[in-house]
Amino acid sequence: MKTVVIHAARDLRVEEHEPEKPGPRQVEVAIEAGGICGSDLHYFNDGGFGTVRVREPMILGHEVAGTIRAVGEGSGLSVGERVAISPSRPCNACVYCLKGQQNHCLDMRFYGSAMPMPHIQGAFRQTLVAEGWQCHKVADGVSINEAAFAEPFAVTLHAVARAGSLLGKRVLVTGCGPIGALCVVSARAHGAREIVATDMVDEALAKAREVGADRTINVLDEPDALSAYSANKGYFDVHFEASGNQRALRSGIEVLKPRGVLVQVGIGGDVSIPQTMVVAKEIDIRGTFRFHEEFGLAVDLINKRAVDVKPLLTAVYGLGDAFKAFEIAGDRKRSMKVQLSF
């Protein structure tokens, strides 16, 4: 089978690997769609992020969906069924798993991760053997490309869960890449009253409007537009910060109401915060990391057409154009979400 392998920064290769066979309670899936994620782009452009570096060849990818072509005994699934595959494989035995916090598992096996050594190989491959419980059925009429959005959508559903109830709330989203745009989708699905989104790229803001933002602000063109919301100690109840940018973080705190909630979704390294303002306005700052049970919810919402992720799909490239696909995926003016076809 063909696989998409990163060796070092800008050293991306399509290589042949021996396929595996499913064991008991496992399935073999013919992967048909795989979304290129921000972490994949970090490996592609920089060889890693922070202290996490590629130290050996690693198959990339974790946003995948496909069709089952072989099943092991007791898998509970059938050949021919289409599935979205959760890349999150917790041990279900450590102290965090036993508390229901599987996203903090001490022995997580997350596809396409260079954190441990040896690295955990990813899912950008023509066939993948997965546990039956990782696989969630895709409804008839839902495209396999839509199904491959389940993973990034689950990330934002977990972020919403960290925020608490959004029913009737006014929401700010800063950063409108794929995760920020999906934060808009998730917030709308959970009853947000009003959603304002900011970014520096008009093309990204246009997509945020298309999936549900009431107003968008280009903070380069209108640097003072957001500050109008700071009157009377703030306007927004919840801020999803998806850019990892210190300025976006600070501007969000300025326009949050007293006792508002800031959910930090994006990762941008160490930043400073206006501590006095956080204290005076009693702001809650909450992190959000990956997901667990939200993956099944993501698939259900896509299956039931409760959300529409189709506007976020920019293009689909075959394996022969994998390098080009990664380059385009990293160009925010040209793309929102780029997928590979296997």
C-alpha atoms as a PDB file:
ATOM      1  CA  MET A   1       0.000   0.000   0.000  1.00  0.00           C
ATOM      2  CA  LYS A   2       1.033   3.617  -0.509  1.00  0.00           C
ATOM      3  CA  THR A   3       1.639   5.868   2.487  1.00  0.00           C
ATOM      4  CA  VAL A   4       2.480   9.551   2.996  1.00  0.00           C
ATOM      5  CA  VAL A   5       5.674   9.767   5.056  1.00  0.00           C
ATOM      6  CA  ILE A   6       7.535  12.736   6.533  1.00  0.00           C
ATOM      7  CA  HIS A   7      11.309  12.321   6.944  1.00  0.00           C
ATOM      8  CA  ALA A   8      12.265  15.897   7.838  1.00  0.00           C
ATOM      9  CA  ALA A   9      11.076  19.425   7.123  1.00  0.00           C
ATOM     10  CA  ARG A  10       9.958  19.654   3.458  1.00  0.00           C
ATOM     11  CA  ASP A  11      10.952  16.017   2.928  1.00  0.00           C
ATOM     12  CA  LEU A  12       7.598  14.402   2.209  1.00  0.00           C
ATOM     13  CA  ARG A  13       7.506  11.109   0.348  1.00  0.00           C
ATOM     14  CA  VAL A  14       4.908   8.661  -0.924  1.00  0.00           C
ATOM     15  CA  GLU A  15       6.262   5.234   0.014  1.00  0.00           C
ATOM     16  CA  GLU A  16       5.236   1.596  -0.125  1.00  0.00           C
ATOM     17  CA  HIS A  17       4.481  -0.241   3.132  1.00  0.00           C
ATOM     18  CA  GLU A  18       3.187  -3.719   3.830  1.00  0.00           C
ATOM     19  CA  PRO A  19      -0.500  -3.638   4.820  1.00  0.00           C
ATOM     20  CA  GLU A  20      -1.631  -5.193   8.078  1.00  0.00           C
ATOM     21  CA  LYS A  21      -4.379  -7.747   8.635  1.00  0.00           C
ATOM     22  CA  PRO A  22      -7.210  -7.251  11.139  1.00  0.00           C
ATOM     23  CA  GLY A  23      -7.229  -9.322  14.317  1.00  0.00           C
ATOM     24  CA  PRO A  24     -10.151 -10.006  16.675  1.00  0.00           C
ATOM     25  CA  ARG A  25     -12.458  -6.975  17.093  1.00  0.00           C
ATOM     26  CA  GLN A  26     -10.494  -5.077  14.442  1.00  0.00           C
ATOM     27  CA  VAL A  27     -11.346  -3.953  10.913  1.00  0.00           C
ATOM     28  CA  GLU A  28      -9.359  -3.187   7.786  1.00  0.00           C
ATOM     29  CA  VAL A  29     -10.469   0.103   6.230  1.00  0.00           C
ATOM     30  CA  ALA A  30      -9.712   1.296   2.718  1.00  0.00           C
ATOM     31  CA  ILE A  31      -8.938   4.942   3.444  1.00  0.00           C
ATOM     32  CA  GLU A  32     -10.614   7.227   0.927  1.00  0.00           C
ATOM     33  CA  ALA A  33     -10.273  10.745   2.381  1.00  0.00           C
ATOM     34  CA  GLY A  34      -7.761  12.347   4.718  1.00  0.00           C
ATOM     35  CA  GLY A  35      -7.706  15.974   5.843  1.00  0.00           C
ATOM     36  CA  ILE A  36      -4.392  17.808   6.211  1.00  0.00           C
ATOM     37  CA  CYS A  37      -4.283  19.236   9.735  1.00  0.00           C
ATOM     38  CA  GLY A  38      -2.276  22.069  11.259  1.00  0.00           C
ATOM     39  CA  SER A  39      -0.032  19.583  13.052  1.00  0.00           C
ATOM     40  CA  ASP A  40       0.651  17.807   9.736  1.00  0.00           C
ATOM     41  CA  LEU A  41       1.694  21.181   8.311  1.00  0.00           C
ATOM     42  CA  HIS A  42       4.039  21.802  11.255  1.00  0.00           C
ATOM     43  CA  TYR A  43       5.775  18.492  10.528  1.00  0.00           C
ATOM     44  CA  PHE A  44       5.879  19.307   6.810  1.00  0.00           C
ATOM     45  CA  ASN A  45       7.145  22.883   7.086  1.00  0.00           C
ATOM     46  CA  ASP A  46       9.269  22.765  10.241  1.00  0.00           C
ATOM     47  CA  GLY A  47       9.915  19.113  11.073  1.00  0.00           C
ATOM     48  CA  GLY A  48       7.791  19.448  14.212  1.00  0.00           C
ATOM     49  CA  PHE A  49       6.551  22.005  16.697  1.00  0.00           C
ATOM     50  CA  GLY A  50       8.021  23.140  20.005  1.00  0.00           C
ATOM     51  CA  THR A  51      10.077  20.331  21.468  1.00  0.00           C
ATOM     52  CA  VAL A  52       8.266  17.705  19.360  1.00  0.00           C
ATOM     53  CA  ARG A  53      10.495  16.838  16.384  1.00  0.00           C
ATOM     54  CA  VAL A  54      10.462  14.148  13.715  1.00  0.00           C
ATOM     55  CA  ARG A  55      13.294  11.784  14.641  1.00  0.00           C
ATOM     56  CA  GLU A  56      12.425   8.917  12.334  1.00  0.00           C
ATOM     57  CA  PRO A  57      10.241   8.503   9.217  1.00  0.00           C
ATOM     58  CA  MET A  58       6.584   8.837  10.193  1.00  0.00           C
ATOM     59  CA  ILE A  59       3.321   8.348   8.327  1.00  0.00           C
ATOM     60  CA  LEU A  60       1.280  11.522   8.745  1.00  0.00           C
ATOM     61  CA  GLY A  61      -2.461  12.017   9.104  1.00  0.00           C
ATOM     62  CA  HIS A  62      -5.304  11.551  11.541  1.00  0.00           C
ATOM     63  CA  GLU A  63      -8.445  13.042   9.894  1.00  0.00           C
ATOM     64  CA  VAL A  64      -9.604  10.020   7.885  1.00  0.00           C
ATOM     65  CA  ALA A  65     -12.620   8.095   6.656  1.00  0.00           C
ATOM     66  CA  GLY A  66     -13.116   5.135   4.360  1.00  0.00           C
ATOM     67  CA  THR A  67     -14.846   1.836   3.635  1.00  0.00           C
ATOM     68  CA  ILE A  68     -14.415  -1.421   5.559  1.00  0.00           C
ATOM     69  CA  ARG A  69     -13.052  -4.208   3.397  1.00  0.00           C
ATOM     70  CA  ALA A  70     -12.219  -6.895   5.991  1.00  0.00           C
ATOM     71  CA  VAL A  71     -13.344  -7.564   9.563  1.00  0.00           C
ATOM     72  CA  GLY A  72     -11.981  -9.530  12.487  1.00  0.00           C
ATOM     73  CA  GLU A  73     -14.175 -11.670  14.715  1.00  0.00           C
ATOM     74  CA  GLY A  74     -16.311  -9.639  17.110  1.00  0.00           C
ATOM     75  CA  SER A  75     -15.729  -6.260  15.497  1.00  0.00           C
ATOM     76  CA  GLY A  76     -19.463  -5.562  15.287  1.00  0.00           C
ATOM     77  CA  LEU A  77     -19.023  -4.083  11.807  1.00  0.00           C
ATOM     78  CA  SER A  78     -19.505  -5.354   8.261  1.00  0.00           C
ATOM     79  CA  VAL A  79     -17.573  -5.278   5.012  1.00  0.00           C
ATOM     80  CA  GLY A  80     -18.776  -2.409   2.836  1.00  0.00           C
ATOM     81  CA  GLU A  81     -19.776  -0.075   5.655  1.00  0.00           C
ATOM     82  CA  ARG A  82     -18.333   3.429   5.450  1.00  0.00           C
ATOM     83  CA  VAL A  83     -16.781   4.777   8.627  1.00  0.00           C
ATOM     84  CA  ALA A  84     -15.049   7.788  10.107  1.00  0.00           C
ATOM     85  CA  ILE A  85     -12.132   6.662  12.261  1.00  0.00           C
ATOM     86  CA  SER A  86     -11.274   8.291  15.570  1.00  0.00           C
ATOM     87  CA  PRO A  87      -7.483   8.696  15.789  1.00  0.00           C
ATOM     88  CA  SER A  88      -7.647   8.821  19.577  1.00  0.00           C
ATOM     89  CA  ARG A  89      -6.643   5.482  21.117  1.00  0.00           C
ATOM     90  CA  PRO A  90      -6.376   5.835  24.918  1.00  0.00           C
ATOM     91  CA  CYS A  91      -5.239   2.962  27.105  1.00  0.00           C
ATOM     92  CA  ASN A  92      -8.453   3.005  29.206  1.00  0.00           C
ATOM     93  CA  ALA A  93      -6.391   1.808  32.176  1.00  0.00           C
ATOM     94  CA  CYS A  94      -4.444   4.821  33.495  1.00  0.00           C
ATOM     95  CA  VAL A  95      -5.639   7.159  36.254  1.00  0.00           C
ATOM     96  CA  TYR A  96      -7.016   9.725  33.775  1.00  0.00           C
ATOM     97  CA  CYS A  97      -8.811   7.211  31.589  1.00  0.00           C
ATOM     98  CA  LEU A  98     -10.444   5.715  34.672  1.00  0.00           C
ATOM     99  CA  LYS A  99     -11.709   9.198  35.585  1.00  0.00           C
ATOM    100  CA  GLY A 100     -13.276   9.624  32.148  1.00  0.00           C
ATOM    101  CA  GLN A 101     -10.540  12.004  30.972  1.00  0.00           C
ATOM    102  CA  GLN A 102      -9.285   9.866  28.100  1.00  0.00           C
ATOM    103  CA  ASN A 103      -7.925  12.891  26.243  1.00  0.00           C
ATOM    104  CA  HIS A 104      -5.286  13.081  28.999  1.00  0.00           C
ATOM    105  CA  CYS A 105      -4.342   9.391  28.776  1.00  0.00           C
ATOM    106  CA  LEU A 106      -0.796   8.665  29.949  1.00  0.00           C
ATOM    107  CA  ASP A 107      -0.312   6.127  27.144  1.00  0.00           C
ATOM    108  CA  MET A 108      -2.243   7.733  24.285  1.00  0.00           C
ATOM    109  CA  ARG A 109      -1.699   6.247  20.827  1.00  0.00           C
ATOM    110  CA  PHE A 110      -2.789   9.151  18.616  1.00  0.00           C
ATOM    111  CA  TYR A 111      -2.210   8.684  14.894  1.00  0.00           C
ATOM    112  CA  GLY A 112       0.671  10.604  13.358  1.00  0.00           C
ATOM    113  CA  SER A 113       2.405  11.799  16.530  1.00  0.00           C
ATOM    114  CA  ALA A 114       6.160  12.289  16.983  1.00  0.00           C
ATOM    115  CA  MET A 115       5.809  12.869  20.733  1.00  0.00           C
ATOM    116  CA  PRO A 116       6.899   9.347  21.744  1.00  0.00           C
ATOM    117  CA  MET A 117       9.790   7.352  20.366  1.00  0.00           C
ATOM    118  CA  PRO A 118       9.258   5.256  18.328  1.00  0.00           C
ATOM    119  CA  HIS A 119       6.742   7.584  16.706  1.00  0.00           C
ATOM    120  CA  ILE A 120       3.087   6.650  16.372  1.00  0.00           C
ATOM    121  CA  GLN A 121       2.474   6.071  12.698  1.00  0.00           C
ATOM    122  CA  GLY A 122      -0.415   7.956  11.131  1.00  0.00           C
ATOM    123  CA  ALA A 123      -3.400   7.175   8.949  1.00  0.00           C
ATOM    124  CA  PHE A 124      -2.417   8.641   5.555  1.00  0.00           C
ATOM    125  CA  ARG A 125      -2.257   5.204   3.965  1.00  0.00           C
ATOM    126  CA  GLN A 126      -4.349   3.247   1.534  1.00  0.00           C
ATOM    127  CA  THR A 127      -5.425   0.680   4.106  1.00  0.00           C
ATOM    128  CA  LEU A 128      -5.590   1.023   7.892  1.00  0.00           C
ATOM    129  CA  VAL A 129      -6.286  -1.608  10.546  1.00  0.00           C
ATOM    130  CA  ALA A 130      -8.287  -0.032  13.378  1.00  0.00           C
ATOM    131  CA  GLU A 131     -10.153  -1.226  16.434  1.00  0.00           C
ATOM    132  CA  GLY A 132     -13.860  -1.658  15.854  1.00  0.00           C
ATOM    133  CA  TRP A 133     -14.679   0.875  18.576  1.00  0.00           C
ATOM    134  CA  GLN A 134     -12.709   3.576  16.735  1.00  0.00           C
ATOM    135  CA  CYS A 135     -15.027   3.356  13.736  1.00  0.00           C
ATOM    136  CA  HIS A 136     -18.258   5.330  13.475  1.00  0.00           C
ATOM    137  CA  LYS A 137     -20.690   4.569  10.658  1.00  0.00           C
ATOM    138  CA  VAL A 138     -21.276   7.210   8.005  1.00  0.00           C
ATOM    139  CA  ALA A 139     -24.866   7.701   6.889  1.00  0.00           C
ATOM    140  CA  ASP A 140     -26.042   7.162   3.332  1.00  0.00           C
ATOM    141  CA  GLY A 141     -25.918  10.404   1.391  1.00  0.00           C
ATOM    142  CA  VAL A 142     -23.030  11.815   3.438  1.00  0.00           C
ATOM    143  CA  SER A 143     -19.873  12.045   1.373  1.00  0.00           C
ATOM    144  CA  ILE A 144     -16.667  10.438   2.589  1.00  0.00           C
ATOM    145  CA  ASN A 145     -15.054  13.895   2.430  1.00  0.00           C
ATOM    146  CA  GLU A 146     -17.625  15.278   4.875  1.00  0.00           C
ATOM    147  CA  ALA A 147     -17.022  12.286   7.143  1.00  0.00           C
ATOM    148  CA  ALA A 148     -13.302  13.113   7.281  1.00  0.00           C
ATOM    149  CA  PHE A 149     -14.218  16.394   9.003  1.00  0.00           C
ATOM    150  CA  ALA A 150     -15.319  14.490  12.116  1.00  0.00           C
ATOM    151  CA  GLU A 151     -11.929  14.769  13.837  1.00  0.00           C
ATOM    152  CA  PRO A 152     -11.402  18.555  13.644  1.00  0.00           C
ATOM    153  CA  PHE A 153     -15.111  19.061  14.349  1.00  0.00           C
ATOM    154  CA  ALA A 154     -14.741  16.924  17.486  1.00  0.00           C
ATOM    155  CA  VAL A 155     -11.904  19.195  18.636  1.00  0.00           C
ATOM    156  CA  THR A 156     -14.267  22.166  18.573  1.00  0.00           C
ATOM    157  CA  LEU A 157     -17.135  20.254  20.172  1.00  0.00           C
ATOM    158  CA  HIS A 158     -14.805  19.543  23.093  1.00  0.00           C
ATOM    159  CA  ALA A 159     -13.920  23.244  23.218  1.00  0.00           C
ATOM    160  CA  VAL A 160     -17.629  24.058  23.446  1.00  0.00           C
ATOM    161  CA  ALA A 161     -18.012  21.515  26.229  1.00  0.00           C
ATOM    162  CA  ARG A 162     -15.202  23.269  28.117  1.00  0.00           C
ATOM    163  CA  ALA A 163     -17.029  26.599  27.731  1.00  0.00           C
ATOM    164  CA  GLY A 164     -20.291  25.427  29.272  1.00  0.00           C
ATOM    165  CA  SER A 165     -23.747  26.225  27.947  1.00  0.00           C
ATOM    166  CA  LEU A 166     -23.793  28.562  24.940  1.00  0.00           C
ATOM    167  CA  LEU A 167     -27.580  28.839  24.791  1.00  0.00           C
ATOM    168  CA  GLY A 168     -28.396  32.483  24.182  1.00  0.00           C
ATOM    169  CA  LYS A 169     -24.761  33.546  24.613  1.00  0.00           C
ATOM    170  CA  ARG A 170     -22.770  36.059  22.583  1.00  0.00           C
ATOM    171  CA  VAL A 171     -19.599  34.433  21.266  1.00  0.00           C
ATOM    172  CA  LEU A 172     -16.316  35.771  19.900  1.00  0.00           C
ATOM    173  CA  VAL A 173     -14.050  33.572  17.771  1.00  0.00           C
ATOM    174  CA  THR A 174     -10.535  34.860  17.037  1.00  0.00           C
ATOM    175  CA  GLY A 175      -8.696  33.036  14.257  1.00  0.00           C
ATOM    176  CA  CYS A 176     -10.709  31.560  11.374  1.00  0.00           C
ATOM    177  CA  GLY A 177      -8.593  28.697  10.137  1.00  0.00           C
ATOM    178  CA  PRO A 178     -10.314  25.287   9.977  1.00  0.00           C
ATOM    179  CA  ILE A 179     -10.570  25.013  13.776  1.00  0.00           C
ATOM    180  CA  GLY A 180     -11.822  28.571  14.235  1.00  0.00           C
ATOM    181  CA  ALA A 181     -14.393  28.114  11.469  1.00  0.00           C
ATOM    182  CA  LEU A 182     -15.530  24.854  13.058  1.00  0.00           C
ATOM    183  CA  CYS A 183     -15.794  26.673  16.409  1.00  0.00           C
ATOM    184  CA  VAL A 184     -18.361  28.868  14.651  1.00  0.00           C
ATOM    185  CA  VAL A 185     -20.197  25.737  13.477  1.00  0.00           C
ATOM    186  CA  SER A 186     -20.113  24.185  16.963  1.00  0.00           C
ATOM    187  CA  ALA A 187     -21.182  27.373  18.730  1.00  0.00           C
ATOM    188  CA  ARG A 188     -24.119  27.808  16.366  1.00  0.00           C
ATOM    189  CA  ALA A 189     -25.152  24.173  16.838  1.00  0.00           C
ATOM    190  CA  HIS A 190     -25.125  24.709  20.610  1.00  0.00           C
ATOM    191  CA  GLY A 191     -27.441  27.684  20.591  1.00  0.00           C
ATOM    192  CA  ALA A 192     -25.188  30.734  20.491  1.00  0.00           C
ATOM    193  CA  ARG A 193     -27.228  33.914  20.065  1.00  0.00           C
ATOM    194  CA  GLU A 194     -24.593  35.915  18.215  1.00  0.00           C
ATOM    195  CA  ILE A 195     -21.178  35.014  16.798  1.00  0.00           C
ATOM    196  CA  VAL A 196     -18.485  37.501  15.802  1.00  0.00           C
ATOM    197  CA  ALA A 197     -15.301  36.178  14.176  1.00  0.00           C
ATOM    198  CA  THR A 198     -11.973  37.895  13.549  1.00  0.00           C
ATOM    199  CA  ASP A 199      -8.961  37.129  11.383  1.00  0.00           C
ATOM    200  CA  MET A 200      -6.424  38.873   9.156  1.00  0.00           C
ATOM    201  CA  VAL A 201      -7.372  37.057   5.939  1.00  0.00           C
ATOM    202  CA  ASP A 202     -10.533  38.015   4.044  1.00  0.00           C
ATOM    203  CA  GLU A 203     -10.835  34.596   2.422  1.00  0.00           C
ATOM    204  CA  ALA A 204     -10.945  32.880   5.819  1.00  0.00           C
ATOM    205  CA  LEU A 205     -13.499  35.383   7.125  1.00  0.00           C
ATOM    206  CA  ALA A 206     -15.732  34.740   4.117  1.00  0.00           C
ATOM    207  CA  LYS A 207     -15.825  31.039   5.049  1.00  0.00           C
ATOM    208  CA  ALA A 208     -16.633  31.906   8.676  1.00  0.00           C
ATOM    209  CA  ARG A 209     -19.650  33.885   7.474  1.00  0.00           C
ATOM    210  CA  GLU A 210     -20.685  31.039   5.209  1.00  0.00           C
ATOM    211  CA  VAL A 211     -20.817  28.584   8.123  1.00  0.00           C
ATOM    212  CA  GLY A 212     -22.656  30.834  10.546  1.00  0.00           C
ATOM    213  CA  ALA A 213     -20.785  33.901  11.829  1.00  0.00           C
ATOM    214  CA  ASP A 214     -23.075  36.937  12.157  1.00  0.00           C
ATOM    215  CA  ARG A 215     -20.262  39.435  11.712  1.00  0.00           C
ATOM    216  CA  THR A 216     -16.614  39.155  10.705  1.00  0.00           C
ATOM    217  CA  ILE A 217     -13.825  41.654  11.308  1.00  0.00           C
ATOM    218  CA  ASN A 218     -10.507  41.849   9.492  1.00  0.00           C
ATOM    219  CA  VAL A 219      -8.299  43.132  12.306  1.00  0.00           C
ATOM    220  CA  LEU A 220      -5.691  44.355   9.820  1.00  0.00           C
ATOM    221  CA  ASP A 221      -8.160  46.499   7.899  1.00  0.00           C
ATOM    222  CA  GLU A 222     -10.227  47.497  10.953  1.00  0.00           C
ATOM    223  CA  PRO A 223      -7.833  47.440  13.923  1.00  0.00           C
ATOM    224  CA  ASP A 224     -10.235  49.329  16.201  1.00  0.00           C
ATOM    225  CA  ALA A 225     -13.487  47.618  15.228  1.00  0.00           C
ATOM    226  CA  LEU A 226     -13.400  45.027  18.001  1.00  0.00           C
ATOM    227  CA  SER A 227     -12.644  47.566  20.728  1.00  0.00           C
ATOM    228  CA  ALA A 228     -16.176  48.991  20.368  1.00  0.00           C
ATOM    229  CA  TYR A 229     -17.382  45.859  22.164  1.00  0.00           C
ATOM    230  CA  SER A 230     -15.420  46.789  25.313  1.00  0.00           C
ATOM    231  CA  ALA A 231     -17.999  49.382  26.436  1.00  0.00           C
ATOM    232  CA  ASN A 232     -19.660  48.770  29.812  1.00  0.00           C
ATOM    233  CA  LYS A 233     -16.973  46.237  30.787  1.00  0.00           C
ATOM    234  CA  GLY A 234     -17.540  44.004  27.773  1.00  0.00           C
ATOM    235  CA  TYR A 235     -20.056  42.421  25.437  1.00  0.00           C
ATOM    236  CA  PHE A 236     -19.229  38.756  24.864  1.00  0.00           C
ATOM    237  CA  ASP A 237     -20.022  35.864  27.178  1.00  0.00           C
ATOM    238  CA  VAL A 238     -17.537  33.401  25.653  1.00  0.00           C
ATOM    239  CA  HIS A 239     -14.348  33.817  23.635  1.00  0.00           C
ATOM    240  CA  PHE A 240     -12.869  30.951  21.624  1.00  0.00           C
ATOM    241  CA  GLU A 241      -9.265  31.939  20.895  1.00  0.00           C
ATOM    242  CA  ALA A 242      -8.186  29.826  17.927  1.00  0.00           C
ATOM    243  CA  SER A 243      -5.218  31.803  16.600  1.00  0.00           C
ATOM    244  CA  GLY A 244      -2.619  31.274  19.337  1.00  0.00           C
ATOM    245  CA  ASN A 245      -1.844  34.989  19.002  1.00  0.00           C
ATOM    246  CA  GLN A 246      -1.143  37.099  22.093  1.00  0.00           C
ATOM    247  CA  ARG A 247      -2.862  40.175  20.670  1.00  0.00           C
ATOM    248  CA  ALA A 248      -6.034  38.189  19.945  1.00  0.00           C
ATOM    249  CA  LEU A 249      -5.955  36.786  23.476  1.00  0.00           C
ATOM    250  CA  ARG A 250      -5.691  40.234  25.029  1.00  0.00           C
ATOM    251  CA  SER A 251      -8.331  41.796  22.789  1.00  0.00           C
ATOM    252  CA  GLY A 252     -10.721  39.004  23.705  1.00  0.00           C
ATOM    253  CA  ILE A 253     -10.256  39.572  27.428  1.00  0.00           C
ATOM    254  CA  GLU A 254     -10.934  43.279  26.880  1.00  0.00           C
ATOM    255  CA  VAL A 255     -14.332  42.597  25.290  1.00  0.00           C
ATOM    256  CA  LEU A 256     -15.465  39.738  27.532  1.00  0.00           C
ATOM    257  CA  LYS A 257     -18.128  40.550  30.094  1.00  0.00           C
ATOM    258  CA  PRO A 258     -17.327  40.150  33.782  1.00  0.00           C
ATOM    259  CA  ARG A 259     -17.300  36.430  34.586  1.00  0.00           C
ATOM    260  CA  GLY A 260     -16.961  35.649  30.897  1.00  0.00           C
ATOM    261  CA  VAL A 261     -15.182  32.491  29.721  1.00  0.00           C
ATOM    262  CA  LEU A 262     -12.067  32.403  27.562  1.00  0.00           C
ATOM    263  CA  VAL A 263     -11.406  29.020  25.936  1.00  0.00           C
ATOM    264  CA  GLN A 264      -7.874  28.796  24.540  1.00  0.00           C
ATOM    265  CA  VAL A 265      -8.008  26.538  21.482  1.00  0.00           C
ATOM    266  CA  GLY A 266      -5.033  27.694  19.408  1.00  0.00           C
ATOM    267  CA  ILE A 267      -1.411  27.011  20.339  1.00  0.00           C
ATOM    268  CA  GLY A 268       1.177  29.730  19.841  1.00  0.00           C
ATOM    269  CA  GLY A 269       3.742  29.306  22.598  1.00  0.00           C
ATOM    270  CA  ASP A 270       4.161  31.346  25.764  1.00  0.00           C
ATOM    271  CA  VAL A 271       2.168  34.583  25.952  1.00  0.00           C
ATOM    272  CA  SER A 272       1.533  37.267  28.551  1.00  0.00           C
ATOM    273  CA  ILE A 273      -1.982  38.155  29.681  1.00  0.00           C
ATOM    274  CA  PRO A 274      -3.463  41.294  31.258  1.00  0.00           C
ATOM    275  CA  GLN A 275      -3.617  39.780  34.717  1.00  0.00           C
ATOM    276  CA  THR A 276      -5.230  42.801  36.366  1.00  0.00           C
ATOM    277  CA  MET A 277      -8.101  42.693  33.879  1.00  0.00           C
ATOM    278  CA  VAL A 278      -8.560  38.951  34.386  1.00  0.00           C
ATOM    279  CA  VAL A 279      -8.826  39.497  38.139  1.00  0.00           C
ATOM    280  CA  ALA A 280     -11.010  42.618  37.996  1.00  0.00           C
ATOM    281  CA  LYS A 281     -13.481  41.062  35.540  1.00  0.00           C
ATOM    282  CA  GLU A 282     -13.318  37.578  37.123  1.00  0.00           C
ATOM    283  CA  ILE A 283     -12.540  35.993  33.763  1.00  0.00           C
ATOM    284  CA  ASP A 284     -12.369  32.195  33.557  1.00  0.00           C
ATOM    285  CA  ILE A 285      -9.505  30.999  31.352  1.00  0.00           C
ATOM    286  CA  ARG A 286      -9.890  27.381  30.238  1.00  0.00           C
ATOM    287  CA  GLY A 287      -7.740  25.194  28.063  1.00  0.00           C
ATOM    288  CA  THR A 288      -9.098  22.577  25.688  1.00  0.00           C
ATOM    289  CA  PHE A 289      -7.175  19.559  24.403  1.00  0.00           C
ATOM    290  CA  ARG A 290      -8.265  17.079  21.763  1.00  0.00           C
ATOM    291  CA  PHE A 291     -11.518  15.174  22.488  1.00  0.00           C
ATOM    292  CA  HIS A 292     -12.877  11.726  23.280  1.00  0.00           C
ATOM    293  CA  GLU A 293     -16.626  11.065  23.304  1.00  0.00           C
ATOM    294  CA  GLU A 294     -17.155  14.147  21.132  1.00  0.00           C
ATOM    295  CA  PHE A 295     -15.964  12.214  18.065  1.00  0.00           C
ATOM    296  CA  GLY A 296     -19.146  10.145  18.010  1.00  0.00           C
ATOM    297  CA  LEU A 297     -21.215  13.297  18.442  1.00  0.00           C
ATOM    298  CA  ALA A 298     -19.375  14.925  15.526  1.00  0.00           C
ATOM    299  CA  VAL A 299     -20.232  12.014  13.241  1.00  0.00           C
ATOM    300  CA  ASP A 300     -23.858  12.010  14.415  1.00  0.00           C
ATOM    301  CA  LEU A 301     -24.288  15.738  13.728  1.00  0.00           C
ATOM    302  CA  ILE A 302     -22.750  15.389  10.264  1.00  0.00           C
ATOM    303  CA  ASN A 303     -24.869  12.285   9.563  1.00  0.00           C
ATOM    304  CA  LYS A 304     -28.096  14.039  10.592  1.00  0.00           C
ATOM    305  CA  ARG A 305     -27.289  17.165   8.563  1.00  0.00           C
ATOM    306  CA  ALA A 306     -27.506  19.206  11.766  1.00  0.00           C
ATOM    307  CA  VAL A 307     -24.351  20.980  10.548  1.00  0.00           C
ATOM    308  CA  ASP A 308     -22.853  21.651   7.135  1.00  0.00           C
ATOM    309  CA  VAL A 309     -19.076  21.322   6.821  1.00  0.00           C
ATOM    310  CA  LYS A 310     -19.024  21.211   3.014  1.00  0.00           C
ATOM    311  CA  PRO A 311     -18.200  24.926   2.570  1.00  0.00           C
ATOM    312  CA  LEU A 312     -14.899  24.361   4.385  1.00  0.00           C
ATOM    313  CA  LEU A 313     -13.543  21.812   1.892  1.00  0.00           C
ATOM    314  CA  THR A 314     -11.243  23.629  -0.520  1.00  0.00           C
ATOM    315  CA  ALA A 315      -9.854  20.827  -2.689  1.00  0.00           C
ATOM    316  CA  VAL A 316      -9.031  17.117  -2.870  1.00  0.00           C
ATOM    317  CA  TYR A 317      -5.702  15.892  -4.269  1.00  0.00           C
ATOM    318  CA  GLY A 318      -4.513  12.413  -5.179  1.00  0.00           C
ATOM    319  CA  LEU A 319      -1.427  10.852  -3.625  1.00  0.00           C
ATOM    320  CA  GLY A 320       0.676  11.792  -6.634  1.00  0.00           C
ATOM    321  CA  ASP A 321       0.086  15.439  -5.746  1.00  0.00           C
ATOM    322  CA  ALA A 322       0.656  15.070  -1.998  1.00  0.00           C
ATOM    323  CA  PHE A 323       3.507  17.598  -1.858  1.00  0.00           C
ATOM    324  CA  LYS A 324       1.437  20.156  -3.783  1.00  0.00           C
ATOM    325  CA  ALA A 325      -1.536  19.486  -1.505  1.00  0.00           C
ATOM    326  CA  PHE A 326       0.542  20.258   1.586  1.00  0.00           C
ATOM    327  CA  GLU A 327       1.864  23.463   0.049  1.00  0.00           C
ATOM    328  CA  ILE A 328      -1.618  24.676  -0.833  1.00  0.00           C
ATOM    329  CA  ALA A 329      -2.992  23.628   2.571  1.00  0.00           C
ATOM    330  CA  GLY A 330      -0.473  25.976   4.178  1.00  0.00           C
ATOM    331  CA  ASP A 331      -1.607  28.982   2.113  1.00  0.00           C
ATOM    332  CA  ARG A 332      -4.456  30.601   4.040  1.00  0.00           C
ATOM    333  CA  LYS A 333      -5.470  32.796   1.119  1.00  0.00           C
ATOM    334  CA  ARG A 334      -5.948  29.773  -1.113  1.00  0.00           C
ATOM    335  CA  SER A 335      -7.343  27.132   1.181  1.00  0.00           C
ATOM    336  CA  MET A 336      -9.377  26.295   4.245  1.00  0.00           C
ATOM    337  CA  LYS A 337      -9.262  22.488   4.383  1.00  0.00           C
ATOM    338  CA  VAL A 338      -7.373  20.378   1.843  1.00  0.00           C
ATOM    339  CA  GLN A 339      -7.865  16.623   1.735  1.00  0.00           C
ATOM    340  CA  LEU A 340      -6.004  13.735   0.137  1.00  0.00           C
ATOM    341  CA  SER A 341      -7.708  10.986  -1.809  1.00  0.00           C
ATOM    342  CA  PHE A 342      -6.267   7.493  -1.389  1.00  0.00           C
END
